[in-house]
Amino acid sequence: AILNSVVTPSKGLDSEVPTEFLSPMRKPAKRGKRDAAELRELWRTAIRQTIMLNRMETENAMLQARQNENELKRIKLDYEEIVPCDKQLIERWEQIIERNSTQIGNKKDPKVLGHAIRTGVPRSKRGDVWTFLAEQHSMNTAPVDTKRFPNFNTPYHMLLKHLTEHQHAIFIDLGRTFPNHQFYKDPLGLGQLSLFNLLKAYSILDPELGYCQGLGFICGVLLLHCDEANSFQLLKHLMFRRNMRTKYLPDMKKFQLQLYQLSRLVKDHLPDLYVWLDQNDVSPTLYAAPWILTVFSSQFPLGFVARVFDLLFLESSDVIFKFAIALLSVHKQQLLAKDNFEEIMDYLKTVVPKMEHTCMEQIMKLVFSMDIGKQLAEYKVEYNVLQEEITTTNHHLEMLNREKTQNQHLEQQLQFAQSSIAHWRRLVPHSKLRNHAAIAGPVSGANHPNAGSLRWPTGGTQSRPGTTKRGAAHAPAAGRLGPSASEAHIHRTQDRQIRFRQQSLGVSSQGARRADRKRRTWFATKAEEGEDTFF
């Protein structure tokens, strides 16, 4: 069937043409049985034509894939370059990027690379240039400590086989990443699926960070210039070797530091604009947060963002501050002319991101002439000192609040104790009067209210020594006019204990008074005899 479907030149010839120009299948069939030579010739012809068909199918598949790849690349790079590049620039970058450029002996001069970047990078070579710059930087830095990242060296296609807890959040943000770009606008199309795979793989690689919204735009820019595997390697390079992952961590400490550094840069480089923005309550958090987290890619045109990434791979993440200061410098006069908060924010969000060729040239000129490395280091020290002072102040405030809480608790206890005392005073007023009488001073035997008739502990009414049965007072013992102060205190304590027991047992007030008189007489007798009554 395959041989019959093959088109050969002999199909277009007349039947009078000699048979040697015809294929074996088109030659007139001979009657009788074919010999071995004819069969071998038929097999040779079939094999040759089968090989030819396989080659044609392979070539067609490669051609189709090449056409699809070119079409896909055209769709990806469908953005306007602010600085156009000519063919000479493309040839120059092809000369710089050599296959053996990653060897130690073939390091490129940073000045040469800086000059080439300043001249421009062609869109078609940008992915290769970024990979080359990343490899050049890796030669001069220490390897990444992978102890806390066990999946760091796991291949990309193996990471995609795992599951991640962040896939729901990633799916939600897919449609928000470059929604107007043709490569990403189709729901669950090729662009969104590639973006999902890249973010999923990184969330598995770095579980401490997981997923952050700003990462989607970073990965989106990388995917426009590289395939998934190379984009993943460049993302790892930016996050670990360029230390960009720290600003996406949940505590956001690095991000807060960068906002402080930008504020200090604006104050030092653009003092008038700093004062004006401060008077209108326009802090860097309001306008510069997306600049830092997405490297300008969420608001600015891709041609400008690509230039930022060129310098990002050449130098470090500090170029974000350079571009921010350059943007504010170019638009300084227009911002100073705005009257209020709303006008300033509207200008920063709508007019500043619009990039023209002349504006781009001014910005790039300022960026290449700016050196802020030393200033950023000083601002970092200032920020750390301020953080320590704030931490100390917070500690003191926490201790003060703890003391206030304890004082409130003690006040509540004091109020409760006072209310309890008032309650007991209402319940036992007569006992309190007797206690006051005992505290007032000693009472002589003649003036004692119960001097004539006291009850002793042994029972019955007997005359106290020194008195008659009718209560006539006798002179007290020499040297003892009454109970001492310590004895009175002991008596009061025992009074309270006995009254509490009596009230608990339900003793009547009359019986309590009789028991009280009996107890007092007994204690007075023991005191006169010189015995210790404290027990």
Protein backbone atom coordinates (compact mmCIF):
# COMPACT_ATOMS: atom_id res chain seq x y z
CA ALA A 1 0.00 0.00 0.00
CA ILE A 2 2.88 2.36 0.79
CA LEU A 3 4.57 1.68 -2.52
CA ASN A 4 1.39 2.25 -4.45
CA SER A 5 0.93 5.68 -2.80
CA VAL A 6 4.43 6.86 -3.75
CA VAL A 7 4.46 9.36 -6.57
CA THR A 8 7.21 8.56 -9.07
CA PRO A 9 8.14 10.27 -12.37
CA SER A 10 7.05 7.22 -14.28
CA LYS A 11 3.37 7.96 -13.60
CA GLY A 12 3.48 10.92 -15.96
CA LEU A 13 5.16 9.09 -18.86
CA ASP A 14 3.49 7.49 -21.82
CA SER A 15 3.14 3.77 -22.07
CA GLU A 16 5.57 3.75 -25.02
CA VAL A 17 8.48 4.83 -22.82
CA PRO A 18 11.06 2.09 -22.31
CA THR A 19 10.42 0.04 -19.22
CA GLU A 20 13.82 0.80 -17.73
CA PHE A 21 12.47 4.23 -16.71
CA LEU A 22 9.56 2.67 -14.86
CA SER A 23 9.61 1.57 -11.25
CA PRO A 24 9.44 -2.18 -10.65
CA MET A 25 5.78 -1.83 -9.60
CA ARG A 26 4.92 -0.04 -12.86
CA LYS A 27 6.66 -2.42 -15.20
CA PRO A 28 4.45 -4.76 -17.17
CA ALA A 29 3.81 -7.84 -15.18
CA LYS A 30 5.29 -10.99 -16.55
CA ARG A 31 3.32 -14.10 -16.65
CA GLY A 32 4.60 -16.85 -14.55
CA LYS A 33 6.50 -17.00 -11.34
CA ARG A 34 9.16 -14.30 -10.46
CA ASP A 35 12.64 -15.46 -9.89
CA ALA A 36 14.82 -14.62 -6.87
CA ALA A 37 16.59 -11.68 -8.57
CA GLU A 38 13.32 -9.93 -9.30
CA LEU A 39 12.11 -10.42 -5.73
CA ARG A 40 15.35 -9.01 -4.34
CA GLU A 41 15.03 -5.97 -6.57
CA LEU A 42 11.47 -5.43 -5.40
CA TRP A 43 12.60 -5.54 -1.73
CA ARG A 44 15.41 -3.08 -2.39
CA THR A 45 13.03 -0.66 -4.05
CA ALA A 46 10.52 -0.96 -1.19
CA ILE A 47 13.18 -0.32 1.43
CA ARG A 48 14.54 2.71 -0.40
CA GLN A 49 11.11 4.26 -0.78
CA THR A 50 10.20 3.53 2.86
CA ILE A 51 13.37 5.29 4.03
CA MET A 52 12.54 8.18 1.73
CA LEU A 53 9.03 8.43 3.19
CA ASN A 54 10.35 8.40 6.78
CA ARG A 55 12.81 11.16 5.95
CA MET A 56 10.10 13.22 4.32
CA GLU A 57 7.82 12.82 7.35
CA THR A 58 10.65 13.78 9.71
CA GLU A 59 11.51 16.83 7.68
CA ASN A 60 7.88 17.87 7.52
CA ALA A 61 7.55 17.50 11.30
CA MET A 62 10.72 19.52 11.90
CA LEU A 63 9.55 22.19 9.48
CA GLN A 64 6.18 22.37 11.21
CA ALA A 65 7.82 22.56 14.63
CA ARG A 66 10.18 25.25 13.39
CA GLN A 67 7.28 27.21 12.04
CA ASN A 68 5.37 26.80 15.32
CA GLU A 69 8.44 27.79 17.29
CA ASN A 70 8.98 30.88 15.17
CA GLU A 71 5.32 31.77 15.46
CA LEU A 72 5.42 31.26 19.23
CA LYS A 73 8.57 33.33 19.52
CA ARG A 74 6.97 36.06 17.45
CA ILE A 75 3.96 36.05 19.79
CA LYS A 76 6.16 36.14 22.87
CA LEU A 77 8.32 39.01 21.66
CA ASP A 78 5.38 41.05 20.51
CA TYR A 79 6.33 44.22 22.35
CA GLU A 80 7.84 47.46 21.23
CA GLU A 81 11.50 48.08 21.86
CA ILE A 82 12.11 51.58 23.12
CA VAL A 83 15.70 51.48 21.88
CA PRO A 84 15.81 49.75 18.46
CA CYS A 85 18.69 47.40 17.64
CA ASP A 86 20.30 46.88 14.24
CA LYS A 87 21.94 43.80 12.71
CA GLN A 88 25.42 44.90 13.74
CA LEU A 89 24.36 44.84 17.38
CA ILE A 90 22.99 41.32 16.96
CA GLU A 91 26.26 40.16 15.41
CA ARG A 92 28.21 41.80 18.23
CA TRP A 93 26.24 39.93 20.88
CA GLU A 94 26.70 36.70 18.95
CA GLN A 95 30.43 37.25 19.15
CA ILE A 96 30.29 37.99 22.88
CA ILE A 97 28.18 34.92 23.65
CA GLU A 98 30.35 31.96 22.80
CA ARG A 99 29.74 28.35 23.63
CA ASN A 100 32.85 28.13 25.81
CA SER A 101 32.16 31.42 27.56
CA THR A 102 31.41 29.67 30.86
CA GLN A 103 34.97 28.40 31.23
CA ILE A 104 37.18 30.07 33.83
CA GLY A 105 39.69 31.28 31.28
CA ASN A 106 37.06 33.00 29.16
CA LYS A 107 35.55 35.52 31.53
CA LYS A 108 34.40 38.69 29.89
CA ASP A 109 35.46 42.13 30.98
CA PRO A 110 32.61 43.77 33.01
CA LYS A 111 33.33 47.09 31.30
CA VAL A 112 32.89 45.47 27.89
CA LEU A 113 29.61 43.90 29.02
CA GLY A 114 28.44 47.18 30.52
CA HIS A 115 29.15 49.04 27.31
CA ALA A 116 27.33 46.36 25.30
CA ILE A 117 24.30 46.52 27.60
CA ARG A 118 24.27 50.29 27.36
CA THR A 119 24.23 50.07 23.57
CA GLY A 120 21.23 47.76 23.69
CA VAL A 121 20.16 44.12 23.64
CA PRO A 122 18.14 42.70 20.71
CA ARG A 123 14.85 41.02 21.59
CA SER A 124 15.73 37.83 19.75
CA LYS A 125 18.95 37.42 21.77
CA ARG A 126 17.75 38.68 25.13
CA GLY A 127 17.16 35.24 26.66
CA ASP A 128 20.62 34.08 25.64
CA VAL A 129 22.16 37.30 26.94
CA TRP A 130 20.49 36.90 30.34
CA THR A 131 21.67 33.30 30.58
CA PHE A 132 25.19 34.39 29.65
CA LEU A 133 25.23 37.20 32.23
CA ALA A 134 23.92 34.83 34.90
CA GLU A 135 26.73 32.36 34.16
CA GLN A 136 29.31 35.14 34.27
CA HIS A 137 28.02 36.26 37.68
CA SER A 138 28.03 32.70 39.04
CA MET A 139 31.76 32.41 38.30
CA ASN A 140 32.54 35.18 40.78
CA THR A 141 30.21 34.16 43.61
CA ALA A 142 30.15 31.30 46.09
CA PRO A 143 27.76 28.40 45.43
CA VAL A 144 24.34 28.43 47.04
CA ASP A 145 24.01 26.74 50.42
CA THR A 146 21.43 24.07 49.68
CA LYS A 147 21.11 22.57 53.19
CA ARG A 148 17.72 24.21 53.75
CA PHE A 149 16.58 23.49 50.17
CA PRO A 150 16.76 19.74 49.51
CA ASN A 151 15.08 20.10 46.09
CA PHE A 152 17.46 22.77 44.84
CA ASN A 153 19.25 20.45 42.39
CA THR A 154 16.13 18.49 41.43
CA PRO A 155 15.46 18.71 37.66
CA TYR A 156 12.61 20.94 36.57
CA HIS A 157 10.53 18.14 35.01
CA MET A 158 10.78 16.14 38.24
CA LEU A 159 9.51 19.03 40.35
CA LEU A 160 6.43 19.28 38.15
CA LYS A 161 5.40 15.77 39.22
CA HIS A 162 4.93 16.91 42.83
CA LEU A 163 1.93 18.70 44.32
CA THR A 164 1.97 22.10 45.98
CA GLU A 165 -0.33 23.71 48.53
CA HIS A 166 -0.16 27.01 46.63
CA GLN A 167 -1.70 25.84 43.37
CA HIS A 168 -5.09 27.43 44.13
CA ALA A 169 -3.53 30.85 44.76
CA ILE A 170 -1.41 30.45 41.61
CA PHE A 171 -4.47 29.60 39.50
CA ILE A 172 -6.31 32.68 40.76
CA ASP A 173 -3.45 35.02 39.79
CA LEU A 174 -2.81 33.56 36.33
CA GLY A 175 -5.35 35.82 34.65
CA ARG A 176 -3.93 38.92 36.38
CA THR A 177 -0.44 38.49 34.93
CA PHE A 178 -0.02 40.45 31.68
CA PRO A 179 -3.73 40.14 30.83
CA ASN A 180 -3.31 42.16 27.62
CA HIS A 181 -0.39 40.19 26.20
CA GLN A 182 -1.28 37.71 23.48
CA PHE A 183 0.79 34.91 25.01
CA TYR A 184 -1.02 35.07 28.39
CA LYS A 185 -4.51 36.32 27.58
CA ASP A 186 -6.07 32.92 26.70
CA PRO A 187 -7.51 31.23 29.82
CA LEU A 188 -5.46 28.11 30.53
CA GLY A 189 -3.68 28.57 27.24
CA LEU A 190 -0.06 27.78 26.54
CA GLY A 191 1.22 30.91 28.26
CA GLN A 192 -0.83 30.50 31.44
CA LEU A 193 0.02 26.80 31.72
CA SER A 194 3.74 27.56 31.35
CA LEU A 195 3.44 30.26 34.00
CA PHE A 196 1.62 27.88 36.33
CA ASN A 197 4.28 25.19 35.90
CA LEU A 198 7.08 27.65 36.62
CA LEU A 199 5.44 29.04 39.78
CA LYS A 200 4.49 25.58 40.97
CA ALA A 201 8.03 24.25 40.55
CA TYR A 202 9.50 27.16 42.49
CA SER A 203 6.99 26.83 45.33
CA ILE A 204 8.13 23.22 45.74
CA LEU A 205 11.80 24.22 45.56
CA ASP A 206 11.45 27.00 48.16
CA PRO A 207 8.73 26.01 50.66
CA GLU A 208 9.72 28.82 53.05
CA LEU A 209 8.64 31.40 50.49
CA GLY A 210 6.10 29.32 48.59
CA TYR A 211 4.25 31.75 46.38
CA CYS A 212 3.94 35.54 46.35
CA GLN A 213 1.92 37.62 43.89
CA GLY A 214 4.88 39.62 42.62
CA LEU A 215 6.60 36.43 41.44
CA GLY A 216 4.06 35.95 38.67
CA PHE A 217 5.26 39.02 36.78
CA ILE A 218 8.94 38.06 37.23
CA CYS A 219 8.27 34.61 35.79
CA GLY A 220 6.12 36.10 33.03
CA VAL A 221 8.97 38.29 31.79
CA LEU A 222 11.40 35.35 31.83
CA LEU A 223 9.01 33.09 29.91
CA LEU A 224 8.67 35.66 27.13
CA HIS A 225 12.37 35.30 26.34
CA CYS A 226 13.17 31.66 27.29
CA ASP A 227 11.54 28.27 27.45
CA GLU A 228 10.28 26.84 30.74
CA ALA A 229 13.45 25.03 31.78
CA ASN A 230 15.77 27.97 31.09
CA SER A 231 13.31 30.37 32.72
CA PHE A 232 13.36 28.21 35.84
CA GLN A 233 17.16 28.34 35.99
CA LEU A 234 17.14 32.13 35.60
CA LEU A 235 14.49 32.42 38.32
CA LYS A 236 16.65 30.36 40.69
CA HIS A 237 19.59 32.61 39.85
CA LEU A 238 17.67 35.78 40.65
CA MET A 239 16.15 34.47 43.84
CA PHE A 240 19.21 32.85 45.38
CA ARG A 241 22.37 34.31 43.86
CA ARG A 242 20.95 37.85 43.53
CA ASN A 243 19.21 37.48 46.93
CA MET A 244 15.82 38.63 45.66
CA ARG A 245 13.85 35.96 47.55
CA THR A 246 14.25 37.72 50.91
CA LYS A 247 11.88 40.54 49.95
CA TYR A 248 9.11 38.02 49.19
CA LEU A 249 9.34 36.17 52.52
CA PRO A 250 6.25 36.35 54.77
CA ASP A 251 7.88 38.75 57.28
CA MET A 252 8.67 41.26 54.45
CA LYS A 253 11.68 42.61 56.38
CA LYS A 254 13.79 43.08 53.26
CA PHE A 255 10.89 44.79 51.50
CA GLN A 256 10.47 47.25 54.41
CA LEU A 257 14.20 47.94 54.31
CA GLN A 258 14.05 48.69 50.57
CA LEU A 259 11.16 51.10 51.06
CA TYR A 260 13.18 52.93 53.72
CA GLN A 261 16.23 53.04 51.44
CA LEU A 262 14.17 54.48 48.60
CA SER A 263 12.70 57.12 50.89
CA ARG A 264 16.19 58.15 52.02
CA LEU A 265 17.42 58.29 48.42
CA VAL A 266 14.56 60.57 47.45
CA LYS A 267 15.34 62.79 50.45
CA ASP A 268 19.04 63.08 49.52
CA HIS A 269 18.77 63.29 45.72
CA LEU A 270 15.42 65.10 45.38
CA PRO A 271 14.87 67.07 48.62
CA ASP A 272 12.23 69.40 47.15
CA LEU A 273 10.19 66.52 45.82
CA TYR A 274 10.61 64.62 49.09
CA VAL A 275 9.20 67.53 51.11
CA TRP A 276 6.31 68.00 48.67
CA LEU A 277 5.38 64.31 48.70
CA ASP A 278 5.63 64.23 52.49
CA GLN A 279 3.37 67.26 52.86
CA ASN A 280 0.74 65.50 50.74
CA ASP A 281 1.13 62.17 52.61
CA VAL A 282 2.48 60.33 49.55
CA SER A 283 4.80 57.69 50.97
CA PRO A 284 6.92 55.30 48.87
CA THR A 285 4.66 52.44 49.93
CA LEU A 286 1.82 53.88 47.86
CA TYR A 287 3.62 54.17 44.53
CA ALA A 288 6.90 52.22 44.77
CA ALA A 289 5.68 48.92 46.23
CA PRO A 290 4.79 47.43 42.80
CA TRP A 291 8.00 48.86 41.36
CA ILE A 292 10.05 46.87 43.86
CA LEU A 293 8.01 43.66 44.06
CA THR A 294 7.42 43.21 40.31
CA VAL A 295 10.54 45.03 39.00
CA PHE A 296 8.30 47.56 37.22
CA SER A 297 6.65 44.81 35.15
CA SER A 298 3.10 45.25 36.48
CA GLN A 299 2.69 48.87 35.32
CA PHE A 300 5.38 49.76 32.76
CA PRO A 301 5.68 48.68 29.10
CA LEU A 302 7.66 45.52 28.39
CA GLY A 303 10.29 47.42 26.42
CA PHE A 304 11.20 49.39 29.55
CA VAL A 305 10.95 46.31 31.81
CA ALA A 306 13.30 44.36 29.53
CA ARG A 307 15.93 47.11 29.87
CA VAL A 308 15.59 46.93 33.66
CA PHE A 309 16.16 43.17 33.52
CA ASP A 310 19.21 43.69 31.31
CA LEU A 311 20.87 45.75 34.04
CA LEU A 312 19.48 43.48 36.76
CA PHE A 313 21.39 40.52 35.34
CA LEU A 314 24.47 42.68 34.70
CA GLU A 315 24.70 44.31 38.15
CA SER A 316 22.30 43.51 41.02
CA SER A 317 18.83 44.27 42.34
CA ASP A 318 20.07 47.75 43.34
CA VAL A 319 19.27 48.90 39.81
CA ILE A 320 15.63 49.09 40.89
CA PHE A 321 16.53 52.09 43.08
CA LYS A 322 18.42 53.69 40.22
CA PHE A 323 15.46 53.44 37.87
CA ALA A 324 13.07 54.69 40.57
CA ILE A 325 15.19 57.79 41.28
CA ALA A 326 15.65 58.37 37.54
CA LEU A 327 11.90 58.21 36.95
CA LEU A 328 11.16 60.66 39.76
CA SER A 329 13.92 62.98 38.52
CA VAL A 330 12.53 63.09 34.99
CA HIS A 331 9.00 63.81 36.26
CA LYS A 332 10.02 66.06 39.15
CA GLN A 333 8.64 69.35 37.82
CA GLN A 334 5.31 67.83 36.82
CA LEU A 335 4.91 66.25 40.27
CA LEU A 336 5.72 69.54 42.02
CA ALA A 337 3.02 71.22 39.95
CA LYS A 338 0.29 68.92 41.30
CA ASP A 339 -1.90 70.37 44.02
CA ASN A 340 -3.08 67.49 46.18
CA PHE A 341 -2.77 63.81 47.02
CA GLU A 342 -5.21 62.59 44.36
CA GLU A 343 -3.50 64.43 41.50
CA ILE A 344 -0.04 63.23 42.54
CA MET A 345 -1.12 59.58 42.78
CA ASP A 346 -2.98 59.75 39.50
CA TYR A 347 0.10 61.14 37.76
CA LEU A 348 2.37 58.47 39.28
CA LYS A 349 0.08 55.64 38.20
CA THR A 350 -0.99 56.82 34.74
CA VAL A 351 1.54 59.25 33.29
CA VAL A 352 4.86 58.01 34.71
CA PRO A 353 4.53 54.47 33.25
CA LYS A 354 4.08 55.87 29.74
CA MET A 355 7.50 55.64 28.18
CA GLU A 356 8.72 57.47 25.11
CA HIS A 357 12.05 57.33 23.32
CA THR A 358 13.36 60.67 24.62
CA CYS A 359 12.23 59.90 28.17
CA MET A 360 13.89 56.50 27.98
CA GLU A 361 17.17 58.01 26.87
CA GLN A 362 17.13 60.46 29.80
CA ILE A 363 16.37 57.67 32.26
CA MET A 364 19.11 55.35 30.96
CA LYS A 365 21.61 58.20 31.03
CA LEU A 366 20.79 58.92 34.68
CA VAL A 367 20.89 55.23 35.58
CA PHE A 368 24.34 54.65 34.11
CA SER A 369 25.72 57.79 35.79
CA MET A 370 24.37 56.94 39.25
CA ASP A 371 26.40 55.23 41.99
CA ILE A 372 24.34 54.54 45.11
CA GLY A 373 25.99 51.44 46.54
CA LYS A 374 27.63 53.23 49.48
CA GLN A 375 24.46 55.16 50.29
CA LEU A 376 22.36 52.00 50.35
CA ALA A 377 24.80 50.41 52.79
CA GLU A 378 24.58 53.46 55.10
CA TYR A 379 20.79 53.45 54.93
CA LYS A 380 20.76 49.77 55.85
CA VAL A 381 22.77 50.50 59.01
CA GLU A 382 20.43 53.38 59.88
CA TYR A 383 17.40 51.16 59.43
CA ASN A 384 18.83 48.41 61.64
CA VAL A 385 19.63 50.93 64.40
CA LEU A 386 16.12 52.34 64.22
CA GLN A 387 14.67 48.85 64.38
CA GLU A 388 16.68 48.09 67.52
CA GLU A 389 15.47 51.31 69.15
CA ILE A 390 11.89 50.49 68.23
CA THR A 391 12.30 46.99 69.62
CA THR A 392 13.69 48.36 72.91
CA THR A 393 10.87 50.90 73.15
CA ASN A 394 8.30 48.22 72.47
CA HIS A 395 9.84 46.09 75.19
CA HIS A 396 9.57 48.93 77.71
CA LEU A 397 5.99 49.62 76.65
CA GLU A 398 5.18 45.94 77.05
CA MET A 399 6.63 45.94 80.57
CA LEU A 400 4.67 49.11 81.40
CA ASN A 401 1.45 47.55 80.16
CA ARG A 402 2.18 44.44 82.20
CA GLU A 403 2.66 46.57 85.34
CA LYS A 404 -0.57 48.43 84.62
CA THR A 405 -2.39 45.14 84.32
CA GLN A 406 -0.97 43.94 87.65
CA ASN A 407 -1.94 47.22 89.33
CA GLN A 408 -5.48 46.89 88.02
CA HIS A 409 -5.62 43.37 89.38
CA LEU A 410 -4.39 44.53 92.79
CA GLU A 411 -6.94 47.36 92.81
CA GLN A 412 -9.68 44.86 92.14
CA GLN A 413 -8.44 42.69 95.00
CA LEU A 414 -8.34 45.75 97.31
CA GLN A 415 -11.89 46.72 96.37
CA PHE A 416 -13.03 43.17 97.02
CA ALA A 417 -11.29 43.14 100.41
CA GLN A 418 -12.84 46.48 101.36
CA SER A 419 -16.31 45.28 100.39
CA SER A 420 -15.75 42.10 102.44
CA ILE A 421 -14.72 44.15 105.50
CA ALA A 422 -17.79 46.37 105.18
CA HIS A 423 -19.97 43.27 104.90
CA TRP A 424 -18.52 41.72 108.08
CA ARG A 425 -18.90 45.01 109.95
CA ARG A 426 -22.61 45.01 109.16
CA LEU A 427 -22.93 41.42 110.37
CA VAL A 428 -21.04 41.73 113.73
CA PRO A 429 -21.40 45.33 115.06
CA HIS A 430 -21.48 44.37 118.81
CA SER A 431 -18.29 42.38 118.63
CA LYS A 432 -16.57 45.33 116.98
CA LEU A 433 -17.67 47.56 119.89
CA ARG A 434 -16.21 45.16 122.43
CA ASN A 435 -12.95 45.06 120.46
CA HIS A 436 -12.78 48.86 120.54
CA ALA A 437 -13.38 48.82 124.29
CA ALA A 438 -10.54 46.35 124.75
CA ILE A 439 -8.21 48.50 122.66
CA ALA A 440 -9.16 51.66 124.59
CA GLY A 441 -7.19 50.58 127.69
CA PRO A 442 -7.22 48.48 130.89
CA VAL A 443 -10.43 48.23 132.94
CA SER A 444 -10.29 47.96 136.75
CA GLY A 445 -12.04 45.24 138.63
CA ALA A 446 -14.58 47.68 140.11
CA ASN A 447 -15.56 49.13 136.79
CA HIS A 448 -15.63 45.82 134.88
CA PRO A 449 -19.15 45.23 133.61
CA ASN A 450 -19.08 41.62 134.70
CA ALA A 451 -16.95 42.04 137.85
CA GLY A 452 -19.54 40.67 140.21
CA SER A 453 -20.68 37.65 138.30
CA LEU A 454 -18.33 35.84 135.90
CA ARG A 455 -18.57 32.34 134.50
CA TRP A 456 -15.47 30.17 134.77
CA PRO A 457 -14.52 27.52 132.28
CA THR A 458 -15.40 24.74 134.78
CA GLY A 459 -19.06 25.81 134.78
CA GLY A 460 -21.30 27.65 137.21
CA THR A 461 -21.28 31.21 138.48
CA GLN A 462 -18.50 31.87 140.96
CA SER A 463 -17.03 34.93 142.54
CA ARG A 464 -13.87 36.14 140.97
CA PRO A 465 -10.90 36.23 143.34
CA GLY A 466 -10.81 39.67 144.88
CA THR A 467 -14.62 40.25 144.70
CA THR A 468 -17.65 39.37 146.80
CA LYS A 469 -20.66 37.49 145.59
CA ARG A 470 -22.52 40.81 145.38
CA GLY A 471 -19.85 42.26 143.16
CA ALA A 472 -18.01 44.36 145.83
CA ALA A 473 -14.61 45.06 144.34
CA HIS A 474 -11.41 44.18 146.12
CA ALA A 475 -8.05 45.72 145.35
CA PRO A 476 -6.39 44.02 142.45
CA ALA A 477 -3.09 42.22 142.75
CA ALA A 478 -0.11 44.48 143.17
CA GLY A 479 1.54 45.52 139.94
CA ARG A 480 -1.31 44.41 137.58
CA LEU A 481 -3.89 47.07 136.83
CA GLY A 482 -5.25 45.18 133.77
CA PRO A 483 -4.21 43.20 130.66
CA SER A 484 -1.21 44.40 128.70
CA ALA A 485 -1.40 45.51 125.05
CA SER A 486 -0.05 42.16 123.74
CA GLU A 487 -2.57 40.27 125.82
CA ALA A 488 -5.35 42.49 124.53
CA HIS A 489 -4.27 41.73 120.96
CA ILE A 490 -4.26 38.00 121.74
CA HIS A 491 -7.71 38.31 123.27
CA ARG A 492 -9.05 40.08 120.21
CA THR A 493 -7.67 37.41 117.92
CA GLN A 494 -9.19 34.67 119.98
CA ASP A 495 -12.46 36.62 120.12
CA ARG A 496 -12.67 36.62 116.33
CA GLN A 497 -11.87 32.91 116.12
CA ILE A 498 -14.49 31.98 118.70
CA ARG A 499 -17.17 34.19 117.13
CA PHE A 500 -16.49 32.65 113.73
CA ARG A 501 -16.88 29.15 115.19
CA GLN A 502 -20.03 30.11 117.03
CA GLN A 503 -21.58 31.63 113.94
CA SER A 504 -20.66 28.55 111.93
CA LEU A 505 -22.31 26.28 114.52
CA GLY A 506 -25.42 28.50 114.80
CA VAL A 507 -24.93 29.59 118.44
CA SER A 508 -27.46 32.23 119.61
CA SER A 509 -26.38 35.77 120.49
CA GLN A 510 -27.31 35.26 124.17
CA GLY A 511 -25.33 32.04 124.42
CA ALA A 512 -22.44 33.74 122.64
CA ARG A 513 -22.42 36.52 125.24
CA ARG A 514 -22.43 34.04 128.11
CA ALA A 515 -19.57 32.07 126.53
CA ASP A 516 -17.71 35.32 125.95
CA ARG A 517 -18.03 36.38 129.60
CA LYS A 518 -16.95 32.93 130.74
CA ARG A 519 -13.89 33.01 128.45
CA ARG A 520 -12.84 36.52 129.52
CA THR A 521 -13.03 35.58 133.23
CA TRP A 522 -10.92 32.51 132.68
CA PHE A 523 -8.25 34.45 130.73
CA ALA A 524 -8.13 37.17 133.40
CA THR A 525 -7.58 34.56 136.12
CA LYS A 526 -4.77 32.90 134.18
CA ALA A 527 -3.17 36.27 133.56
CA GLU A 528 -3.19 37.11 137.29
CA GLU A 529 -1.61 33.75 138.07
CA GLY A 530 1.15 34.51 135.55
CA GLU A 531 0.45 31.62 133.14
CA ASP A 532 0.87 31.81 129.35
CA THR A 533 -2.56 31.82 127.67
CA PHE A 534 -1.49 31.93 124.03
CA PHE A 535 -2.15 28.69 122.22
